[in-house]
Amino acid sequence: MQFFKYTVLRLVLFFVVFLPLALFTRWDLILIGVVALVIAFSVSYLFFNKLRLAANADVQKMFASTGPRKSKKMISDEEAEDRFIDGEK
């Protein structure tokens, strides 16, 4: 849920900067987009650090729970390979 909040907040910041620049300046849209992106990133990084860290934790939990599971045989094979490689050095 924190990831969703952080994403929406960054999008809102982007459009709060992008729309006035697009309406009231004669800059190229790509330049306006880059400026809005840098400002939104900077503001969210500096002022919403706790929310950013919570969103990061949500993403870590999401990917950690769906990772591949190793069987006992795979783990023992990896340990044997590690012992073999360490023995050669």
Protein backbone atom coordinates (compact mmCIF):
# COMPACT_ATOMS: atom_id res chain seq x y z
CA MET A 1 0.00 0.00 0.00
CA GLN A 2 2.89 2.36 0.75
CA PHE A 3 4.27 1.76 -2.73
CA PHE A 4 0.97 2.88 -4.25
CA LYS A 5 0.88 6.02 -2.06
CA TYR A 6 4.46 6.94 -2.94
CA THR A 7 3.87 6.38 -6.66
CA VAL A 8 0.71 8.50 -6.69
CA LEU A 9 2.48 11.23 -4.72
CA ARG A 10 5.34 11.36 -7.20
CA LEU A 11 2.95 11.46 -10.15
CA VAL A 12 1.00 14.31 -8.56
CA LEU A 13 4.25 16.23 -7.94
CA PHE A 14 5.27 15.66 -11.54
CA PHE A 15 2.01 16.99 -12.94
CA VAL A 16 1.92 19.93 -10.49
CA VAL A 17 5.19 21.07 -12.04
CA PHE A 18 4.56 19.88 -15.60
CA LEU A 19 1.15 21.42 -16.27
CA PRO A 20 1.94 25.06 -15.34
CA LEU A 21 5.20 24.90 -17.26
CA ALA A 22 3.43 23.45 -20.29
CA LEU A 23 0.68 26.06 -20.19
CA PHE A 24 2.67 29.19 -19.41
CA THR A 25 6.03 28.69 -21.09
CA ARG A 26 7.09 28.19 -24.66
CA TRP A 27 9.64 25.49 -23.84
CA ASP A 28 9.76 22.19 -25.66
CA LEU A 29 7.62 19.49 -24.00
CA ILE A 30 10.61 17.18 -23.59
CA LEU A 31 12.50 19.86 -21.67
CA ILE A 32 9.44 20.55 -19.53
CA GLY A 33 9.11 16.83 -18.83
CA VAL A 34 12.75 16.53 -17.80
CA VAL A 35 12.52 19.59 -15.53
CA ALA A 36 9.31 18.29 -13.93
CA LEU A 37 10.85 14.85 -13.48
CA VAL A 38 13.96 16.24 -11.76
CA ILE A 39 11.92 18.50 -9.47
CA ALA A 40 9.45 15.73 -8.55
CA PHE A 41 12.30 13.33 -7.85
CA SER A 42 14.17 15.86 -5.74
CA VAL A 43 11.15 16.90 -3.67
CA SER A 44 10.03 13.32 -3.05
CA TYR A 45 13.56 12.23 -2.14
CA LEU A 46 14.17 15.10 0.26
CA PHE A 47 10.79 15.46 1.94
CA PHE A 48 9.14 12.04 1.76
CA ASN A 49 11.99 9.81 2.89
CA LYS A 50 9.94 7.75 5.36
CA LEU A 51 7.30 7.01 2.74
CA ARG A 52 10.02 6.11 0.21
CA LEU A 53 11.62 3.67 2.65
CA ALA A 54 8.24 2.11 3.47
CA ALA A 55 7.50 1.71 -0.25
CA ASN A 56 10.91 0.10 -0.70
CA ALA A 57 10.14 -2.35 2.11
CA ASP A 58 6.82 -3.23 0.46
CA VAL A 59 8.57 -4.00 -2.82
CA GLN A 60 11.20 -6.11 -1.04
CA LYS A 61 8.49 -8.12 0.72
CA MET A 62 6.61 -8.62 -2.53
CA PHE A 63 9.64 -10.00 -4.39
CA ALA A 64 11.04 -11.97 -1.46
CA SER A 65 7.84 -13.95 -0.98
CA THR A 66 7.59 -14.99 -4.65
CA GLY A 67 11.20 -16.02 -5.16
CA PRO A 68 12.18 -19.50 -6.20
CA ARG A 69 12.36 -22.07 -3.44
CA LYS A 70 15.42 -24.28 -3.15
CA SER A 71 15.11 -27.89 -2.21
CA LYS A 72 17.39 -29.53 0.34
CA LYS A 73 19.16 -31.35 -2.47
CA MET A 74 19.86 -28.08 -4.33
CA ILE A 75 21.24 -26.51 -1.16
CA SER A 76 23.48 -29.52 -0.43
CA ASP A 77 24.71 -29.51 -4.05
CA GLU A 78 25.60 -25.81 -3.78
CA GLU A 79 27.45 -26.44 -0.52
CA ALA A 80 29.39 -29.31 -2.13
CA GLU A 81 30.31 -27.08 -5.07
CA ASP A 82 31.47 -24.35 -2.69
CA ARG A 83 33.64 -26.85 -0.76
CA PHE A 84 35.11 -28.15 -4.04
CA ILE A 85 35.92 -24.63 -5.29
CA ASP A 86 37.39 -23.58 -1.93
CA GLY A 87 39.55 -26.73 -1.92
CA GLU A 88 41.13 -25.82 -5.27
CA LYS A 89 42.42 -22.44 -4.13
